[in-house]
Amino acid sequence: MARKRGIPGFSWKRASGLSAAKSKLSRQIGIPLTRSGRQRKMGRALGCCVPAAFLFTGAVAALAGAGKAVSVFLA
């Protein structure tokens, strides 16, 4: 197994300030710059919408069922 070269635990991106600049920009615009961050954000947004969609479709189905019951009762 080959040995790693360089200083252990050293990152040139962190040393140059690139990581801090990216995270600061990401917080300002509100959109994560990493792929996994964007996927997490979309998952949270869709996870919130799924129960609302079920409630909405259930309410529509209940109203449609109530409408049929009233029309049968009046006919």
N, C-alpha and C. Protein backbone atom coordinates (compact mmCIF):
# COMPACT_ATOMS: atom_id res chain seq x y z
N MET A 1 0.84 -1.18 0.00
CA MET A 1 0.00 0.00 0.00
C MET A 1 0.89 1.24 0.00
N ALA A 2 0.62 2.16 -0.90
CA ALA A 2 1.43 3.37 -1.02
C ALA A 2 1.11 4.35 0.09
N ARG A 3 2.13 5.07 0.50
CA ARG A 3 1.94 6.07 1.56
C ARG A 3 1.46 7.37 0.94
N LYS A 4 0.63 8.08 1.69
CA LYS A 4 0.17 9.39 1.23
C LYS A 4 1.30 10.41 1.40
N ARG A 5 1.33 11.35 0.51
CA ARG A 5 2.34 12.40 0.61
C ARG A 5 1.71 13.67 1.15
N GLY A 6 2.54 14.53 1.65
CA GLY A 6 2.05 15.82 2.13
C GLY A 6 1.82 15.82 3.63
N ILE A 7 1.35 16.93 4.09
CA ILE A 7 1.08 17.12 5.51
C ILE A 7 -0.26 16.47 5.83
N PRO A 8 -0.31 15.59 6.81
CA PRO A 8 -1.59 14.96 7.14
C PRO A 8 -2.57 15.98 7.73
N GLY A 9 -3.80 15.93 7.25
CA GLY A 9 -4.83 16.84 7.76
C GLY A 9 -4.78 18.23 7.15
N PHE A 10 -3.97 18.42 6.12
CA PHE A 10 -3.86 19.75 5.51
C PHE A 10 -4.67 19.78 4.22
N SER A 11 -5.43 20.85 4.03
CA SER A 11 -6.20 21.03 2.81
C SER A 11 -5.87 22.39 2.22
N TRP A 12 -5.41 22.40 0.98
CA TRP A 12 -5.05 23.68 0.36
C TRP A 12 -6.29 24.53 0.10
N LYS A 13 -7.46 23.89 -0.09
CA LYS A 13 -8.68 24.65 -0.32
C LYS A 13 -9.08 25.42 0.94
N ARG A 14 -8.95 24.75 2.11
CA ARG A 14 -9.29 25.44 3.36
C ARG A 14 -8.25 26.51 3.68
N ALA A 15 -6.99 26.21 3.39
CA ALA A 15 -5.92 27.17 3.68
C ALA A 15 -6.05 28.42 2.81
N SER A 16 -6.53 28.26 1.58
CA SER A 16 -6.65 29.41 0.68
C SER A 16 -7.92 30.21 0.94
N GLY A 17 -8.83 29.68 1.74
CA GLY A 17 -10.07 30.40 2.03
C GLY A 17 -11.18 30.09 1.05
N LEU A 18 -10.96 29.14 0.17
CA LEU A 18 -11.96 28.79 -0.84
C LEU A 18 -13.20 28.17 -0.20
N SER A 19 -13.00 27.30 0.79
CA SER A 19 -14.14 26.66 1.46
C SER A 19 -15.00 27.68 2.18
N ALA A 20 -14.36 28.63 2.86
CA ALA A 20 -15.11 29.65 3.59
C ALA A 20 -15.89 30.54 2.63
N ALA A 21 -15.28 30.88 1.50
CA ALA A 21 -15.96 31.73 0.52
C ALA A 21 -17.17 31.01 -0.08
N LYS A 22 -17.01 29.72 -0.37
CA LYS A 22 -18.13 28.95 -0.93
C LYS A 22 -19.27 28.84 0.07
N SER A 23 -18.95 28.58 1.33
CA SER A 23 -20.02 28.43 2.32
C SER A 23 -20.70 29.76 2.58
N LYS A 24 -19.94 30.86 2.56
CA LYS A 24 -20.53 32.19 2.76
C LYS A 24 -21.47 32.53 1.60
N LEU A 25 -21.05 32.26 0.38
CA LEU A 25 -21.88 32.52 -0.80
C LEU A 25 -23.14 31.66 -0.77
N SER A 26 -22.97 30.40 -0.38
CA SER A 26 -24.11 29.49 -0.32
C SER A 26 -25.15 29.98 0.68
N ARG A 27 -24.71 30.48 1.82
CA ARG A 27 -25.66 31.00 2.81
C ARG A 27 -26.34 32.27 2.32
N GLN A 28 -25.62 33.11 1.59
CA GLN A 28 -26.20 34.36 1.09
C GLN A 28 -27.27 34.11 0.04
N ILE A 29 -27.02 33.20 -0.90
CA ILE A 29 -27.99 32.98 -1.97
C ILE A 29 -29.06 31.98 -1.58
N GLY A 30 -28.82 31.22 -0.50
CA GLY A 30 -29.83 30.29 -0.02
C GLY A 30 -29.90 28.97 -0.78
N ILE A 31 -28.95 28.74 -1.68
CA ILE A 31 -28.92 27.49 -2.44
C ILE A 31 -27.58 26.81 -2.18
N PRO A 32 -27.59 25.57 -1.71
CA PRO A 32 -26.33 24.87 -1.47
C PRO A 32 -25.55 24.68 -2.77
N LEU A 33 -24.23 24.79 -2.68
CA LEU A 33 -23.40 24.66 -3.87
C LEU A 33 -22.96 23.22 -4.12
N THR A 34 -23.14 22.35 -3.13
CA THR A 34 -22.77 20.95 -3.33
C THR A 34 -23.97 20.16 -3.84
N ARG A 35 -23.68 19.10 -4.55
CA ARG A 35 -24.74 18.28 -5.12
C ARG A 35 -25.59 17.64 -4.02
N SER A 36 -24.92 17.12 -2.99
CA SER A 36 -25.67 16.47 -1.91
C SER A 36 -26.50 17.49 -1.13
N GLY A 37 -25.99 18.71 -1.00
CA GLY A 37 -26.75 19.76 -0.32
C GLY A 37 -28.01 20.13 -1.08
N ARG A 38 -27.89 20.23 -2.40
CA ARG A 38 -29.07 20.53 -3.22
C ARG A 38 -30.09 19.40 -3.14
N GLN A 39 -29.61 18.15 -3.16
CA GLN A 39 -30.52 17.01 -3.07
C GLN A 39 -31.23 16.99 -1.72
N ARG A 40 -30.49 17.31 -0.64
CA ARG A 40 -31.11 17.36 0.69
C ARG A 40 -32.17 18.44 0.76
N LYS A 41 -31.87 19.60 0.17
CA LYS A 41 -32.83 20.71 0.20
C LYS A 41 -34.10 20.33 -0.57
N MET A 42 -33.96 19.72 -1.74
CA MET A 42 -35.12 19.30 -2.53
C MET A 42 -35.91 18.22 -1.80
N GLY A 43 -35.20 17.30 -1.16
CA GLY A 43 -35.87 16.24 -0.41
C GLY A 43 -36.70 16.79 0.73
N ARG A 44 -36.16 17.81 1.41
CA ARG A 44 -36.91 18.44 2.50
C ARG A 44 -38.15 19.13 1.96
N ALA A 45 -38.00 19.81 0.83
CA ALA A 45 -39.13 20.54 0.26
C ALA A 45 -40.21 19.58 -0.23
N LEU A 46 -39.80 18.51 -0.90
CA LEU A 46 -40.78 17.54 -1.40
C LEU A 46 -41.38 16.72 -0.27
N GLY A 47 -40.59 16.44 0.75
CA GLY A 47 -41.10 15.70 1.90
C GLY A 47 -42.20 16.46 2.60
N CYS A 48 -42.11 17.78 2.57
CA CYS A 48 -43.14 18.62 3.18
C CYS A 48 -44.39 18.65 2.30
N CYS A 49 -44.21 18.55 0.99
CA CYS A 49 -45.34 18.66 0.07
C CYS A 49 -46.14 17.37 -0.06
N VAL A 50 -45.51 16.24 0.18
CA VAL A 50 -46.19 14.96 -0.01
C VAL A 50 -47.39 14.80 0.93
N PRO A 51 -47.25 15.05 2.24
CA PRO A 51 -48.44 14.94 3.10
C PRO A 51 -49.54 15.93 2.71
N ALA A 52 -49.15 17.12 2.28
CA ALA A 52 -50.14 18.11 1.86
C ALA A 52 -50.88 17.62 0.61
N ALA A 53 -50.17 16.96 -0.29
CA ALA A 53 -50.81 16.43 -1.50
C ALA A 53 -51.80 15.33 -1.15
N PHE A 54 -51.44 14.47 -0.19
CA PHE A 54 -52.37 13.42 0.24
C PHE A 54 -53.61 14.03 0.88
N LEU A 55 -53.43 15.05 1.70
CA LEU A 55 -54.58 15.70 2.33
C LEU A 55 -55.48 16.34 1.28
N PHE A 56 -54.86 16.99 0.29
CA PHE A 56 -55.63 17.65 -0.76
C PHE A 56 -56.42 16.64 -1.58
N THR A 57 -55.78 15.55 -1.98
CA THR A 57 -56.50 14.55 -2.79
C THR A 57 -57.59 13.87 -1.98
N GLY A 58 -57.34 13.67 -0.69
CA GLY A 58 -58.36 13.09 0.17
C GLY A 58 -59.56 14.01 0.31
N ALA A 59 -59.30 15.31 0.43
CA ALA A 59 -60.40 16.27 0.56
C ALA A 59 -61.20 16.34 -0.74
N VAL A 60 -60.52 16.32 -1.86
CA VAL A 60 -61.20 16.36 -3.16
C VAL A 60 -62.06 15.10 -3.34
N ALA A 61 -61.50 13.95 -2.96
CA ALA A 61 -62.27 12.71 -3.07
C ALA A 61 -63.48 12.72 -2.15
N ALA A 62 -63.31 13.27 -0.95
CA ALA A 62 -64.43 13.34 -0.01
C ALA A 62 -65.52 14.26 -0.54
N LEU A 63 -65.12 15.39 -1.11
CA LEU A 63 -66.11 16.32 -1.67
C LEU A 63 -66.82 15.71 -2.87
N ALA A 64 -66.07 14.99 -3.69
CA ALA A 64 -66.68 14.34 -4.85
C ALA A 64 -67.66 13.26 -4.39
N GLY A 65 -67.29 12.53 -3.36
CA GLY A 65 -68.18 11.50 -2.82
C GLY A 65 -69.42 12.12 -2.20
N ALA A 66 -69.26 13.24 -1.51
CA ALA A 66 -70.40 13.93 -0.90
C ALA A 66 -71.32 14.48 -1.98
N GLY A 67 -70.74 14.96 -3.07
CA GLY A 67 -71.54 15.48 -4.18
C GLY A 67 -72.38 14.40 -4.82
N LYS A 68 -71.80 13.20 -4.97
CA LYS A 68 -72.55 12.08 -5.53
C LYS A 68 -73.68 11.67 -4.60
N ALA A 69 -73.40 11.66 -3.30
CA ALA A 69 -74.43 11.26 -2.33
C ALA A 69 -75.59 12.24 -2.34
N VAL A 70 -75.32 13.52 -2.46
CA VAL A 70 -76.37 14.54 -2.48
C VAL A 70 -77.19 14.41 -3.76
N SER A 71 -76.51 14.17 -4.90
CA SER A 71 -77.24 14.05 -6.17
C SER A 71 -78.14 12.81 -6.17
N VAL A 72 -77.69 11.73 -5.56
CA VAL A 72 -78.51 10.51 -5.47
C VAL A 72 -79.70 10.77 -4.55
N PHE A 73 -79.47 11.48 -3.47
CA PHE A 73 -80.52 11.78 -2.50
C PHE A 73 -81.60 12.68 -3.11
N LEU A 74 -81.18 13.67 -3.93
CA LEU A 74 -82.12 14.61 -4.53
C LEU A 74 -82.85 14.01 -5.73
N ALA A 75 -82.28 13.02 -6.38
CA ALA A 75 -82.89 12.45 -7.59
C ALA A 75 -84.03 11.52 -7.33
